[in-house]
């Protein structure tokens, strides 16, 4: 199992094929992936993209591979997911486009540490992300920009942490200091439906669990609406905890947890500064992605 992340490169890491023997065994058993299957599948998806009139995109091999792994190398499901991903970006530009991290409003949100991937995976190889979703003032900031920051950092982490596409990720959503203003802003069924649809049907990320911590009881209003748009499989992966205990972080070593969450790893401020700097270093990558277009018939 790969146990270290490389977040230093601003371009796709050239070692995305360098998996350990344990990574390869897991990928073959759980994702139907072998060296031969992978090579043929990537070639087929690239051919399909070139022939698809609705997609005008320059998609790299590693992003194709991430879609393939989410779909367990079912080619037709992969094509459908890629198509939906770019269509979703076109109909929800407020979440997925205009992602220059130097925009003043995005700079302010970056400084808040809303989305913090940890620097190493958990004991099962999964990417661990802490989402401090209540750290912004909903009277000042749009929820669309908050989601944009979350999607940006998730894309950046998945691009740089190679094995997350195999083992998936665990999300820890911290509801500390949740207010009624947050609830009012979040409970729009249309927004929650699109968020659920993106996570479940469009994303190139294997979300293995969503753990809500420090959750007051009234957050169930939003969670129940959100879950109504999910499959039973995804519903079973959502866990709500009224407190934050170390037992909430199953498989996450205290060595990599932030100090504020009972660990001995980086502080929240250190992680915030790290990811803000990395987002800024990847400005050109975020901007160039917007050249990819979905052209409806």
Protein backbone atom coordinates (compact mmCIF):
# COMPACT_ATOMS: atom_id res chain seq x y z
CA UNK A 1 0.00 0.00 0.00
CA UNK A 2 1.36 3.44 -0.89
CA UNK A 3 1.69 5.40 2.36
CA UNK A 4 3.09 8.76 1.31
CA UNK A 5 1.59 11.61 -0.68
CA UNK A 6 3.53 13.74 -3.12
CA UNK A 7 1.88 17.14 -3.33
CA UNK A 8 4.92 19.02 -4.57
CA UNK A 9 4.38 18.93 -8.32
CA UNK A 10 2.14 21.44 -10.06
CA UNK A 11 1.62 19.11 -13.02
CA UNK A 12 0.40 15.55 -13.20
CA UNK A 13 2.85 13.31 -11.39
CA UNK A 14 4.69 11.16 -13.95
CA UNK A 15 4.73 8.21 -11.56
CA UNK A 16 1.01 7.52 -11.66
CA UNK A 17 1.69 4.01 -12.90
CA UNK A 18 4.18 3.22 -10.12
CA UNK A 19 2.07 1.15 -7.75
CA UNK A 20 3.26 -1.23 -5.09
CA UNK A 21 2.46 -4.93 -5.34
CA UNK A 22 -0.17 -4.43 -2.65
CA UNK A 23 -1.75 -1.56 -4.59
CA UNK A 24 -1.87 -3.77 -7.67
CA UNK A 25 -3.47 -6.68 -5.80
CA UNK A 26 -6.13 -4.39 -4.34
CA UNK A 27 -6.83 -2.80 -7.73
CA UNK A 28 -7.19 -6.19 -9.42
CA UNK A 29 -9.50 -7.66 -6.74
CA UNK A 30 -11.66 -4.59 -6.10
CA UNK A 31 -11.48 -2.59 -9.34
CA UNK A 32 -10.89 -5.25 -12.02
CA UNK A 33 -7.63 -3.55 -12.98
CA UNK A 34 -4.54 -5.23 -14.41
CA UNK A 35 -1.71 -3.73 -16.47
CA UNK A 36 -3.22 -5.02 -19.71
CA UNK A 37 -6.79 -4.01 -18.87
CA UNK A 38 -5.64 -0.54 -17.83
CA UNK A 39 -3.68 0.12 -21.03
CA UNK A 40 -6.47 -1.07 -23.32
CA UNK A 41 -9.17 0.79 -21.37
CA UNK A 42 -7.32 4.12 -21.46
CA UNK A 43 -6.77 3.73 -25.19
CA UNK A 44 -10.47 3.01 -25.76
CA UNK A 45 -11.63 5.98 -23.66
CA UNK A 46 -9.24 8.33 -25.47
CA UNK A 47 -10.58 7.11 -28.80
CA UNK A 48 -14.15 7.63 -27.63
CA UNK A 49 -13.40 11.17 -26.44
CA UNK A 50 -11.89 12.05 -29.81
CA UNK A 51 -15.04 10.83 -31.57
CA UNK A 52 -17.55 12.37 -29.14
CA UNK A 53 -19.03 15.50 -30.72
CA UNK A 54 -20.18 16.90 -27.37
CA UNK A 55 -16.77 16.81 -25.69
CA UNK A 56 -14.04 19.26 -26.65
CA UNK A 57 -11.50 18.36 -23.97
CA UNK A 58 -7.82 17.60 -23.46
CA UNK A 59 -8.04 14.94 -20.77
CA UNK A 60 -4.83 13.36 -19.48
CA UNK A 61 -4.36 9.63 -19.00
CA UNK A 62 -4.36 9.82 -15.21
CA UNK A 63 -7.72 11.58 -15.10
CA UNK A 64 -9.12 8.93 -17.45
CA UNK A 65 -7.72 6.29 -15.11
CA UNK A 66 -9.45 7.89 -12.12
CA UNK A 67 -12.79 7.69 -13.92
CA UNK A 68 -12.10 4.09 -14.90
CA UNK A 69 -11.34 3.13 -11.31
CA UNK A 70 -14.52 4.70 -9.99
CA UNK A 71 -16.43 2.63 -12.55
CA UNK A 72 -14.36 -0.51 -11.88
CA UNK A 73 -13.21 -0.53 -15.50
CA UNK A 74 -16.68 -0.82 -16.98
CA UNK A 75 -16.09 1.09 -20.21
CA UNK A 76 -19.68 2.11 -20.86
CA UNK A 77 -20.16 3.34 -17.30
CA UNK A 78 -16.91 5.27 -17.58
CA UNK A 79 -18.02 6.99 -20.78
CA UNK A 80 -21.34 7.91 -19.17
CA UNK A 81 -19.62 9.32 -16.08
CA UNK A 82 -17.14 11.40 -18.07
CA UNK A 83 -19.98 12.74 -20.22
CA UNK A 84 -22.02 13.64 -17.11
CA UNK A 85 -18.97 15.22 -15.44
CA UNK A 86 -18.38 17.71 -18.23
CA UNK A 87 -22.07 18.33 -18.73
CA UNK A 88 -22.41 19.10 -15.02
CA UNK A 89 -19.54 21.58 -15.25
CA UNK A 90 -21.34 23.37 -18.07
CA UNK A 91 -24.68 23.66 -16.23
CA UNK A 92 -23.13 24.53 -12.85
CA UNK A 93 -20.32 26.98 -13.70
CA UNK A 94 -20.73 28.70 -10.33
CA UNK A 95 -19.31 25.56 -8.69
CA UNK A 96 -16.92 24.25 -11.30
CA UNK A 97 -15.51 27.14 -13.35
CA UNK A 98 -13.79 30.50 -12.80
CA UNK A 99 -11.39 28.87 -10.33
CA UNK A 100 -8.54 31.35 -10.27
CA UNK A 101 -7.35 31.07 -6.63
CA UNK A 102 -6.17 34.69 -6.66
CA UNK A 103 -9.71 36.06 -6.93
CA UNK A 104 -10.30 38.21 -3.82
CA UNK A 105 -13.31 36.24 -2.55
CA UNK A 106 -11.59 32.91 -3.12
CA UNK A 107 -8.48 34.22 -1.38
CA UNK A 108 -10.56 35.02 1.69
CA UNK A 109 -12.10 31.54 1.69
CA UNK A 110 -8.69 29.90 1.15
CA UNK A 111 -7.45 31.61 4.30
CA UNK A 112 -10.24 29.97 6.33
CA UNK A 113 -9.06 26.40 5.86
CA UNK A 114 -12.45 25.11 4.76
CA UNK A 115 -11.14 21.94 3.11
CA UNK A 116 -8.01 20.27 4.47
CA UNK A 117 -6.72 17.00 2.99
CA UNK A 118 -4.23 15.41 5.35
CA UNK A 119 -0.66 14.96 4.19
CA UNK A 120 -0.73 11.16 4.47
CA UNK A 121 -3.45 8.52 3.92
CA UNK A 122 -5.19 6.53 6.63
CA UNK A 123 -4.30 2.95 7.57
CA UNK A 124 -6.36 1.64 4.63
CA UNK A 125 -4.70 3.88 2.06
CA UNK A 126 -7.65 6.31 1.79
CA UNK A 127 -7.18 10.04 1.40
CA UNK A 128 -8.51 11.80 4.52
CA UNK A 129 -10.15 15.21 4.13
CA UNK A 130 -11.43 17.44 6.92
CA UNK A 131 -14.15 19.82 5.75
CA UNK A 132 -14.61 22.75 8.13
CA UNK A 133 -17.83 23.69 6.43
CA UNK A 134 -19.09 26.20 9.00
CA UNK A 135 -15.98 28.41 9.13
CA UNK A 136 -17.39 31.04 6.76
CA UNK A 137 -20.11 33.66 7.33
CA UNK A 138 -23.12 32.78 5.13
CA UNK A 139 -24.25 36.42 5.29
CA UNK A 140 -21.09 37.41 3.44
CA UNK A 141 -20.12 34.45 1.25
CA UNK A 142 -22.05 32.45 -1.33
CA UNK A 143 -22.31 28.71 -0.77
CA UNK A 144 -21.40 28.24 -4.43
CA UNK A 145 -17.93 29.68 -3.75
CA UNK A 146 -17.53 27.44 -0.70
CA UNK A 147 -18.34 24.39 -2.84
CA UNK A 148 -15.96 25.68 -5.49
CA UNK A 149 -13.12 25.70 -2.95
CA UNK A 150 -14.02 22.15 -1.86
CA UNK A 151 -14.05 20.87 -5.45
CA UNK A 152 -10.78 22.66 -6.23
CA UNK A 153 -8.93 21.11 -3.32
CA UNK A 154 -10.42 17.68 -3.89
CA UNK A 155 -9.31 17.81 -7.52
CA UNK A 156 -5.85 18.98 -6.48
CA UNK A 157 -5.44 16.28 -3.84
CA UNK A 158 -6.63 13.54 -6.18
CA UNK A 159 -4.26 14.75 -8.89
CA UNK A 160 -1.28 14.57 -6.57
CA UNK A 161 -2.06 11.66 -4.25
CA UNK A 162 -1.88 8.83 -6.74
CA UNK A 163 -3.27 5.97 -4.68
CA UNK A 164 -6.44 7.82 -3.63
CA UNK A 165 -7.93 6.78 -6.96
CA UNK A 166 -7.50 3.16 -5.85
CA UNK A 167 -8.48 3.27 -2.19
CA UNK A 168 -10.83 6.26 -2.28
CA UNK A 169 -11.29 8.97 0.30
CA UNK A 170 -12.93 9.55 3.66
CA UNK A 171 -14.56 12.92 4.33
CA UNK A 172 -14.94 14.34 7.83
CA UNK A 173 -17.41 17.23 7.88
CA UNK A 174 -17.00 19.36 11.00
CA UNK A 175 -20.21 21.18 12.00
CA UNK A 176 -18.72 23.16 14.90
CA UNK A 177 -20.49 26.53 15.35
CA UNK A 178 -23.23 25.69 12.88
CA UNK A 179 -25.79 28.50 12.69
CA UNK A 180 -29.33 28.87 11.42
CA UNK A 181 -27.95 31.06 8.61
CA UNK A 182 -25.88 28.10 7.39
CA UNK A 183 -28.93 25.83 7.46
CA UNK A 184 -31.02 28.34 5.51
CA UNK A 185 -28.31 28.66 2.89
CA UNK A 186 -27.75 24.92 2.53
CA UNK A 187 -31.24 23.47 2.57
CA UNK A 188 -32.14 24.36 -1.02
CA UNK A 189 -33.25 20.97 -2.43
CA UNK A 190 -31.98 21.88 -5.90
CA UNK A 191 -28.47 22.56 -4.60
CA UNK A 192 -28.43 19.37 -2.52
CA UNK A 193 -29.74 17.32 -5.44
CA UNK A 194 -27.00 18.61 -7.74
CA UNK A 195 -24.35 18.02 -5.08
CA UNK A 196 -25.58 14.45 -4.54
CA UNK A 197 -25.74 13.84 -8.28
CA UNK A 198 -22.21 15.13 -8.78
CA UNK A 199 -20.76 12.99 -5.99
CA UNK A 200 -22.66 9.85 -6.93
CA UNK A 201 -22.82 9.92 -10.72
CA UNK A 202 -20.24 12.36 -12.09
CA UNK A 203 -17.15 12.58 -9.91
CA UNK A 204 -13.80 10.86 -10.49
CA UNK A 205 -13.47 10.38 -6.71
CA UNK A 206 -14.37 7.18 -4.83
CA UNK A 207 -16.05 8.54 -1.69
CA UNK A 208 -15.87 5.69 0.83
CA UNK A 209 -17.39 7.48 3.80
CA UNK A 210 -18.83 10.83 4.89
CA UNK A 211 -18.47 11.36 8.62
CA UNK A 212 -20.32 14.34 10.10
CA UNK A 213 -18.83 15.37 13.45
CA UNK A 214 -19.82 17.93 16.11
CA UNK A 215 -23.30 17.79 14.61
CA UNK A 216 -26.23 19.52 16.38
CA UNK A 217 -29.53 17.72 15.95
CA UNK A 218 -31.01 20.33 13.61
CA UNK A 219 -28.44 19.48 10.91
CA UNK A 220 -30.61 16.41 10.26
CA UNK A 221 -32.91 18.69 8.24
CA UNK A 222 -30.20 19.15 5.62
CA UNK A 223 -28.78 15.63 5.89
CA UNK A 224 -32.16 13.98 5.35
CA UNK A 225 -32.83 16.09 2.25
CA UNK A 226 -29.35 15.27 0.92
CA UNK A 227 -29.77 11.54 1.59
CA UNK A 228 -33.10 11.49 -0.24
CA UNK A 229 -31.14 11.96 -3.49
CA UNK A 230 -28.65 9.16 -2.79
CA UNK A 231 -28.66 5.45 -3.47
CA UNK A 232 -28.95 3.10 -0.51
CA UNK A 233 -25.26 2.27 -0.91
CA UNK A 234 -24.23 5.90 -0.55
CA UNK A 235 -26.69 6.51 2.28
CA UNK A 236 -25.02 3.73 4.26
CA UNK A 237 -21.71 5.58 4.01
CA UNK A 238 -22.95 8.67 5.86
CA UNK A 239 -22.36 8.66 9.62
CA UNK A 240 -23.47 11.45 11.95
CA UNK A 241 -21.83 12.07 15.33
CA UNK A 242 -22.95 14.69 17.83
CA UNK A 243 -19.40 14.99 19.20
CA UNK A 244 -15.85 14.72 17.97
CA UNK A 245 -14.07 11.73 19.48
CA UNK A 246 -10.96 9.93 18.31
CA UNK A 247 -13.24 6.93 17.72
CA UNK A 248 -14.81 8.94 14.89
CA UNK A 249 -11.50 8.71 13.03
CA UNK A 250 -11.39 4.95 12.53
CA UNK A 251 -8.26 3.95 10.58
CA UNK A 252 -6.78 7.48 10.89
CA UNK A 253 -3.54 7.49 12.88
CA UNK A 254 -3.21 10.23 15.49
CA UNK A 255 0.19 10.83 13.93
CA UNK A 256 -1.43 12.42 10.86
CA UNK A 257 -4.44 14.06 12.53
CA UNK A 258 -4.21 17.81 13.19
CA UNK A 259 -3.52 18.78 16.78
CA UNK A 260 -6.94 20.44 17.02
CA UNK A 261 -8.57 17.08 16.29
CA UNK A 262 -6.69 15.12 18.93
CA UNK A 263 -3.67 14.16 16.84
CA UNK A 264 0.00 15.05 16.71
CA UNK A 265 0.22 16.04 13.04
CA UNK A 266 0.18 19.44 11.39
CA UNK A 267 -1.93 22.19 12.92
CA UNK A 268 -5.01 23.41 11.08
CA UNK A 269 -3.17 26.65 10.30
CA UNK A 270 -0.20 24.78 8.83
CA UNK A 271 -2.50 22.71 6.61
CA UNK A 272 -4.42 25.84 5.60
CA UNK A 273 -1.25 27.62 4.52
CA UNK A 274 0.06 24.53 2.75
CA UNK A 275 -3.07 24.03 0.62
CA UNK A 276 -3.51 27.72 -0.09
CA UNK A 277 0.07 27.89 -1.39
CA UNK A 278 -0.40 24.74 -3.46
CA UNK A 279 -3.62 26.09 -4.99
CA UNK A 280 -1.82 29.28 -5.95
CA UNK A 281 1.08 27.32 -7.46
CA UNK A 282 -1.49 25.42 -9.57
CA UNK A 283 -3.27 28.55 -10.81
CA UNK A 284 -2.41 27.85 -14.46
CA UNK A 285 -3.70 24.28 -14.15
CA UNK A 286 -7.04 25.46 -12.74
CA UNK A 287 -7.38 28.08 -15.48
CA UNK A 288 -6.33 25.78 -18.34
CA UNK A 289 -8.98 23.24 -17.30
CA UNK A 290 -11.62 25.76 -18.31
CA UNK A 291 -10.64 25.26 -21.95
CA UNK A 292 -12.42 21.88 -21.74
CA UNK A 293 -15.94 22.31 -23.06
CA UNK A 294 -19.20 20.38 -23.18
CA UNK A 295 -21.02 21.23 -26.42
CA UNK A 296 -24.67 20.07 -26.30
CA UNK A 297 -26.16 18.81 -29.52
